[in-house]
C-alpha atoms as a PDB file:
ATOM      1  CA  VAL A   1     -20.348 -56.959  -5.753  1.00  0.00           C
ATOM      2  CA  ASP A   2     -19.596 -53.871  -7.842  1.00  0.00           C
ATOM      3  CA  VAL A   3     -22.502 -53.812 -10.304  1.00  0.00           C
ATOM      4  CA  ASP A   4     -21.859 -50.368 -11.820  1.00  0.00           C
ATOM      5  CA  LYS A   5     -18.022 -50.799 -11.874  1.00  0.00           C
ATOM      6  CA  ASP A   6     -17.298 -47.580  -9.939  1.00  0.00           C
ATOM      7  CA  GLY A   7     -14.796 -49.267  -7.613  1.00  0.00           C
ATOM      8  CA  LEU A   8     -17.189 -49.422  -4.614  1.00  0.00           C
ATOM      9  CA  SER A   9     -19.231 -52.435  -3.609  1.00  0.00           C
ATOM     10  CA  ASP A  10     -22.966 -52.047  -4.192  1.00  0.00           C
ATOM     11  CA  VAL A  11     -23.857 -55.142  -2.173  1.00  0.00           C
ATOM     12  CA  ALA A  12     -21.849 -56.218   0.852  1.00  0.00           C
ATOM     13  CA  LYS A  13     -19.945 -59.492   0.825  1.00  0.00           C
ATOM     14  CA  THR A  14     -22.005 -61.577   3.240  1.00  0.00           C
ATOM     15  CA  LYS A  15     -21.556 -64.809   5.170  1.00  0.00           C
ATOM     16  CA  THR A  16     -24.548 -65.798   7.314  1.00  0.00           C
ATOM     17  CA  LEU A  17     -25.428 -68.945   9.220  1.00  0.00           C
ATOM     18  CA  VAL A  18     -28.712 -69.492  11.096  1.00  0.00           C
ATOM     19  CA  ILE A  19     -29.337 -72.439  13.432  1.00  0.00           C
ATOM     20  CA  HIS A  20     -32.803 -72.954  14.957  1.00  0.00           C
ATOM     21  CA  PRO A  21     -33.522 -76.283  16.700  1.00  0.00           C
ATOM     22  CA  LYS A  22     -36.669 -76.832  18.794  1.00  0.00           C
ATOM     23  CA  LEU A  23     -37.386 -79.503  21.402  1.00  0.00           C
ATOM     24  CA  ILE A  24     -40.804 -80.320  22.868  1.00  0.00           C
ATOM     25  CA  TYR A  25     -41.052 -82.761  25.763  1.00  0.00           C
ATOM     26  CA  TYR A  26     -44.477 -84.029  26.845  1.00  0.00           C
ATOM     27  CA  ILE A  27     -44.256 -84.762  30.565  1.00  0.00           C
ATOM     28  CA  ASN A  28     -47.788 -86.151  30.662  1.00  0.00           C
ATOM     29  CA  LYS A  29     -51.119 -85.456  28.929  1.00  0.00           C
ATOM     30  CA  ASN A  30     -51.488 -82.134  30.825  1.00  0.00           C
ATOM     31  CA  SER A  31     -47.941 -80.741  30.876  1.00  0.00           C
ATOM     32  CA  ASN A  32     -45.130 -80.049  28.441  1.00  0.00           C
ATOM     33  CA  ILE A  33     -41.827 -78.203  28.129  1.00  0.00           C
ATOM     34  CA  THR A  34     -40.673 -76.436  24.971  1.00  0.00           C
ATOM     35  CA  LEU A  35     -37.056 -75.376  24.412  1.00  0.00           C
ATOM     36  CA  ASN A  36     -35.975 -73.238  21.449  1.00  0.00           C
ATOM     37  CA  TYR A  37     -32.536 -72.044  20.413  1.00  0.00           C
ATOM     38  CA  SER A  38     -31.707 -69.663  17.606  1.00  0.00           C
ATOM     39  CA  GLY A  39     -28.178 -68.733  16.603  1.00  0.00           C
ATOM     40  CA  THR A  40     -27.441 -66.173  13.893  1.00  0.00           C
ATOM     41  CA  PHE A  41     -23.833 -65.636  12.842  1.00  0.00           C
ATOM     42  CA  ASP A  42     -23.319 -62.835  10.336  1.00  0.00           C
ATOM     43  CA  GLN A  43     -20.284 -61.205   8.675  1.00  0.00           C
ATOM     44  CA  ARG A  44     -20.559 -58.369   6.137  1.00  0.00           C
ATOM     45  CA  THR A  45     -17.877 -56.381   4.333  1.00  0.00           C
ATOM     46  CA  GLY A  46     -18.315 -53.523   1.885  1.00  0.00           C
ATOM     47  CA  GLY A  47     -16.582 -50.447   0.522  1.00  0.00           C
ATOM     48  CA  ASP A  48     -13.640 -49.961  -1.822  1.00  0.00           C
ATOM     49  CA  MET A  49     -13.184 -53.038  -4.052  1.00  0.00           C
ATOM     50  CA  ASN A  50      -9.401 -52.879  -3.425  1.00  0.00           C
ATOM     51  CA  HIS A  51     -10.114 -53.997   0.122  1.00  0.00           C
ATOM     52  CA  PHE A  52     -11.202 -57.406  -1.205  1.00  0.00           C
ATOM     53  CA  LYS A  53      -7.833 -58.029  -2.891  1.00  0.00           C
ATOM     54  CA  ASN A  54      -5.434 -59.778  -0.509  1.00  0.00           C
ATOM     55  CA  THR A  55      -2.386 -58.059  -1.993  1.00  0.00           C
ATOM     56  CA  SER A  56      -3.738 -54.494  -1.999  1.00  0.00           C
ATOM     57  CA  ILE A  57      -2.957 -51.979   0.749  1.00  0.00           C
ATOM     58  CA  ASP A  58      -4.536 -49.077  -1.197  1.00  0.00           C
ATOM     59  CA  THR A  59      -8.057 -48.944   0.259  1.00  0.00           C
ATOM     60  CA  LEU A  60     -10.047 -45.699   0.334  1.00  0.00           C
ATOM     61  CA  TYR A  61     -12.874 -46.962   2.518  1.00  0.00           C
ATOM     62  CA  PHE A  62     -14.241 -50.189   3.950  1.00  0.00           C
ATOM     63  CA  VAL A  63     -16.724 -51.252   6.584  1.00  0.00           C
ATOM     64  CA  GLN A  64     -16.919 -54.637   8.289  1.00  0.00           C
ATOM     65  CA  SER A  65     -19.725 -55.828  10.498  1.00  0.00           C
ATOM     66  CA  LYS A  66     -19.651 -59.029  12.523  1.00  0.00           C
ATOM     67  CA  SER A  67     -22.460 -60.138  14.808  1.00  0.00           C
ATOM     68  CA  ASN A  68     -23.177 -63.309  16.724  1.00  0.00           C
ATOM     69  CA  ARG A  69     -26.647 -63.577  18.243  1.00  0.00           C
ATOM     70  CA  HIS A  70     -27.775 -66.372  20.553  1.00  0.00           C
ATOM     71  CA  ASN A  71     -31.391 -66.617  21.660  1.00  0.00           C
ATOM     72  CA  ALA A  72     -32.921 -69.317  23.857  1.00  0.00           C
ATOM     73  CA  ASP A  73     -36.384 -69.624  25.310  1.00  0.00           C
ATOM     74  CA  LEU A  74     -38.006 -72.128  27.606  1.00  0.00           C
ATOM     75  CA  LYS A  75     -41.726 -72.621  28.263  1.00  0.00           C
ATOM     76  CA  PHE A  76     -43.475 -74.904  30.747  1.00  0.00           C
ATOM     77  CA  THR A  77     -47.253 -75.330  30.463  1.00  0.00           C
ATOM     78  CA  SER A  78     -49.474 -77.374  32.741  1.00  0.00           C
ATOM     79  CA  ASN A  79     -53.246 -77.770  32.791  1.00  0.00           C
ATOM     80  CA  LEU A  80     -53.699 -78.184  36.542  1.00  0.00           C
ATOM     81  CA  SER A  81     -57.432 -78.768  36.156  1.00  0.00           C
ATOM     82  CA  SER A  82     -60.230 -77.989  33.716  1.00  0.00           C
ATOM     83  CA  GLN A  83     -60.280 -74.463  35.164  1.00  0.00           C
ATOM     84  CA  ASP A  84     -56.640 -73.769  36.050  1.00  0.00           C
ATOM     85  CA  ASN A  85     -53.601 -73.394  33.810  1.00  0.00           C
ATOM     86  CA  LEU A  86     -50.004 -72.678  34.882  1.00  0.00           C
ATOM     87  CA  GLU A  87     -47.444 -71.247  32.466  1.00  0.00           C
ATOM     88  CA  ILE A  88     -43.791 -70.431  33.169  1.00  0.00           C
ATOM     89  CA  LYS A  89     -41.600 -68.993  30.441  1.00  0.00           C
ATOM     90  CA  ALA A  90     -38.142 -67.495  30.132  1.00  0.00           C
ATOM     91  CA  SER A  91     -35.952 -66.213  27.341  1.00  0.00           C
ATOM     92  CA  ALA A  92     -32.393 -64.950  27.076  1.00  0.00           C
ATOM     93  CA  ASN A  93     -30.617 -63.193  24.231  1.00  0.00           C
ATOM     94  CA  TYR A  94     -26.914 -62.460  23.802  1.00  0.00           C
ATOM     95  CA  LEU A  95     -25.551 -60.254  21.003  1.00  0.00           C
ATOM     96  CA  ASP A  96     -21.842 -59.796  20.311  1.00  0.00           C
ATOM     97  CA  GLN A  97     -21.359 -57.108  17.657  1.00  0.00           C
ATOM     98  CA  GLN A  98     -18.252 -55.593  16.076  1.00  0.00           C
ATOM     99  CA  ILE A  99     -18.221 -52.772  13.483  1.00  0.00           C
ATOM    100  CA  LYS A 100     -14.940 -51.684  11.934  1.00  0.00           C
ATOM    101  CA  ASN A 101     -13.849 -49.286   9.193  1.00  0.00           C
ATOM    102  CA  ASN A 102     -10.795 -47.156   8.284  1.00  0.00           C
ATOM    103  CA  HIS A 103     -11.413 -44.758  11.182  1.00  0.00           C
ATOM    104  CA  TYR A 104     -12.758 -46.740  14.108  1.00  0.00           C
ATOM    105  CA  ASN A 105     -13.426 -50.139  15.607  1.00  0.00           C
ATOM    106  CA  PHE A 106     -16.557 -50.392  17.744  1.00  0.00           C
ATOM    107  CA  GLY A 107     -17.806 -53.422  19.640  1.00  0.00           C
ATOM    108  CA  SER A 108     -20.474 -54.171  22.190  1.00  0.00           C
ATOM    109  CA  ASP A 109     -22.123 -57.032  24.052  1.00  0.00           C
ATOM    110  CA  GLN A 110     -25.820 -57.000  24.899  1.00  0.00           C
ATOM    111  CA  TYR A 111     -27.714 -59.341  27.214  1.00  0.00           C
ATOM    112  CA  ILE A 112     -31.515 -59.313  27.306  1.00  0.00           C
ATOM    113  CA  TYR A 113     -33.550 -61.649  29.497  1.00  0.00           C
ATOM    114  CA  PHE A 114     -37.207 -62.112  30.370  1.00  0.00           C
ATOM    115  CA  SER A 115     -39.137 -64.489  32.606  1.00  0.00           C
ATOM    116  CA  GLU A 116     -42.800 -64.743  33.567  1.00  0.00           C
ATOM    117  CA  ALA A 117     -45.061 -67.052  35.537  1.00  0.00           C
ATOM    118  CA  THR A 118     -48.859 -66.917  35.182  1.00  0.00           C
ATOM    119  CA  LEU A 119     -51.796 -68.757  36.660  1.00  0.00           C
ATOM    120  CA  LEU A 120     -55.076 -68.624  34.723  1.00  0.00           C
ATOM    121  CA  HIS A 121     -58.327 -69.507  36.514  1.00  0.00           C
ATOM    122  CA  LYS A 122     -61.454 -69.817  34.333  1.00  0.00           C
ATOM    123  CA  SER A 123     -65.096 -69.897  35.349  1.00  0.00           C
ATOM    124  CA  SER A 124     -68.375 -69.465  33.477  1.00  0.00           C
ATOM    125  CA  LYS A 125     -68.652 -65.716  34.115  1.00  0.00           C
ATOM    126  CA  MET A 126     -65.154 -64.629  35.115  1.00  0.00           C
ATOM    127  CA  ASP A 127     -61.503 -65.410  34.306  1.00  0.00           C
ATOM    128  CA  TRP A 128     -58.564 -64.392  36.480  1.00  0.00           C
ATOM    129  CA  VAL A 129     -54.876 -64.163  35.549  1.00  0.00           C
ATOM    130  CA  PHE A 130     -52.247 -63.800  38.282  1.00  0.00           C
ATOM    131  CA  GLY A 131     -48.623 -63.337  37.325  1.00  0.00           C
ATOM    132  CA  ALA A 132     -45.115 -62.153  38.052  1.00  0.00           C
ATOM    133  CA  ASN A 133     -42.178 -61.342  35.795  1.00  0.00           C
ATOM    134  CA  PHE A 134     -38.485 -60.474  35.913  1.00  0.00           C
ATOM    135  CA  ASN A 135     -36.623 -58.970  32.959  1.00  0.00           C
ATOM    136  CA  GLY A 136     -33.488 -57.033  32.195  1.00  0.00           C
ATOM    137  CA  ASP A 137     -31.173 -55.513  29.644  1.00  0.00           C
ATOM    138  CA  ARG A 138     -27.429 -55.142  30.000  1.00  0.00           C
ATOM    139  CA  SER A 139     -25.168 -53.527  27.406  1.00  0.00           C
ATOM    140  CA  ILE A 140     -21.374 -53.343  27.577  1.00  0.00           C
ATOM    141  CA  LYS A 141     -19.264 -51.481  25.054  1.00  0.00           C
ATOM    142  CA  LYS A 142     -15.955 -53.139  24.204  1.00  0.00           C
ATOM    143  CA  SER A 143     -14.351 -50.087  22.577  1.00  0.00           C
ATOM    144  CA  SER A 144     -12.051 -47.960  24.715  1.00  0.00           C
ATOM    145  CA  ASN A 145     -12.793 -44.225  24.585  1.00  0.00           C
ATOM    146  CA  LEU A 146     -14.018 -44.010  21.003  1.00  0.00           C
ATOM    147  CA  PHE A 147     -17.591 -43.027  21.891  1.00  0.00           C
ATOM    148  CA  PRO A 148     -17.436 -41.520  25.407  1.00  0.00           C
ATOM    149  CA  GLN A 149     -21.141 -40.554  25.286  1.00  0.00           C
ATOM    150  CA  LEU A 150     -22.108 -44.244  25.122  1.00  0.00           C
ATOM    151  CA  GLU A 151     -22.277 -45.749  28.574  1.00  0.00           C
ATOM    152  CA  ASP A 152     -22.683 -49.305  29.744  1.00  0.00           C
ATOM    153  CA  THR A 153     -26.261 -49.974  30.861  1.00  0.00           C
ATOM    154  CA  ASP A 154     -27.764 -52.433  33.312  1.00  0.00           C
ATOM    155  CA  PHE A 155     -31.542 -52.344  33.807  1.00  0.00           C
ATOM    156  CA  THR A 156     -33.755 -54.846  35.589  1.00  0.00           C
ATOM    157  CA  THR A 157     -37.491 -54.841  36.276  1.00  0.00           C
ATOM    158  CA  LEU A 158     -39.479 -56.975  38.696  1.00  0.00           C
ATOM    159  CA  GLY A 159     -43.258 -56.981  38.276  1.00  0.00           C
ATOM    160  CA  ALA A 160     -46.531 -58.524  39.434  1.00  0.00           C
ATOM    161  CA  PHE A 161     -49.984 -58.286  37.905  1.00  0.00           C
ATOM    162  CA  VAL A 162     -53.585 -59.422  38.138  1.00  0.00           C
ATOM    163  CA  GLN A 163     -56.172 -59.247  35.363  1.00  0.00           C
ATOM    164  CA  THR A 164     -59.833 -60.186  35.232  1.00  0.00           C
ATOM    165  CA  THR A 165     -62.307 -60.713  32.412  1.00  0.00           C
ATOM    166  CA  PHE A 166     -65.957 -60.532  33.479  1.00  0.00           C
ATOM    167  CA  ARG A 167     -68.807 -61.687  31.190  1.00  0.00           C
ATOM    168  CA  PRO A 168     -72.111 -60.565  32.782  1.00  0.00           C
ATOM    169  CA  THR A 169     -74.033 -61.290  29.551  1.00  0.00           C
ATOM    170  CA  ALA A 170     -73.279 -62.943  26.206  1.00  0.00           C
ATOM    171  CA  LYS A 171     -72.845 -59.506  24.574  1.00  0.00           C
ATOM    172  CA  LEU A 172     -70.948 -57.650  27.325  1.00  0.00           C
ATOM    173  CA  ILE A 173     -67.358 -58.268  28.464  1.00  0.00           C
ATOM    174  CA  LEU A 174     -65.577 -56.142  31.066  1.00  0.00           C
ATOM    175  CA  GLU A 175     -61.812 -56.326  31.536  1.00  0.00           C
ATOM    176  CA  SER A 176     -59.720 -54.791  34.277  1.00  0.00           C
ATOM    177  CA  GLY A 177     -56.252 -55.235  35.643  1.00  0.00           C
ATOM    178  CA  PHE A 178     -53.606 -53.969  38.000  1.00  0.00           C
ATOM    179  CA  ARG A 179     -49.834 -54.072  37.551  1.00  0.00           C
ATOM    180  CA  PHE A 180     -46.892 -53.130  39.776  1.00  0.00           C
ATOM    181  CA  ASP A 181     -43.334 -52.874  38.444  1.00  0.00           C
ATOM    182  CA  TYR A 182     -40.100 -52.041  40.210  1.00  0.00           C
ATOM    183  CA  HIS A 183     -37.354 -50.773  37.895  1.00  0.00           C
ATOM    184  CA  LYS A 184     -33.725 -50.670  39.057  1.00  0.00           C
ATOM    185  CA  LYS A 185     -33.256 -47.066  37.847  1.00  0.00           C
ATOM    186  CA  TYR A 186     -36.760 -45.542  37.659  1.00  0.00           C
ATOM    187  CA  LYS A 187     -38.167 -47.296  40.786  1.00  0.00           C
ATOM    188  CA  ASP A 188     -41.920 -47.984  41.305  1.00  0.00           C
ATOM    189  CA  PHE A 189     -44.640 -48.012  38.638  1.00  0.00           C
ATOM    190  CA  LEU A 190     -48.322 -48.654  39.350  1.00  0.00           C
ATOM    191  CA  MET A 191     -50.673 -49.171  36.423  1.00  0.00           C
ATOM    192  CA  PRO A 192     -54.413 -49.758  36.856  1.00  0.00           C
END
């Protein structure tokens, strides 16, 4: 849309579609599984208004952006007893992105994933959480040598943790925890 009639679009021409279904399955009165999916499909074009005319080859400048994002997550929850709760969750995200103008065409794929399992144990004075997680991020550029400083990345992290909440009185709460992570590139991390 060229609001001020200067020959350049002020607002990009946009086509967007979002899909977001959710499914919840109750296994029994204590356990359930939730599955979510979200898909976002987006195309945007802006620049010289001549670019929008099918017959015109006289275009000073244009930019096109196309992205397809898929995100899914899964969660399992189970009340094992009145004091114990198990939760397992995972999510994955995939982004396919392409940006193009008169001078370059850049594309990349990105994969992000996360998973975690936790066990919560409650008592009158103290709660404990034990857990482990695995997550990662992978990025792959699809352009040849356009941006040589951009490199493909592939990072993963494996972790374990324990956390406690202690209630010695009704007005005093003490929390402490310990976490260990192993990163593919940066190696070990300990966090008290």
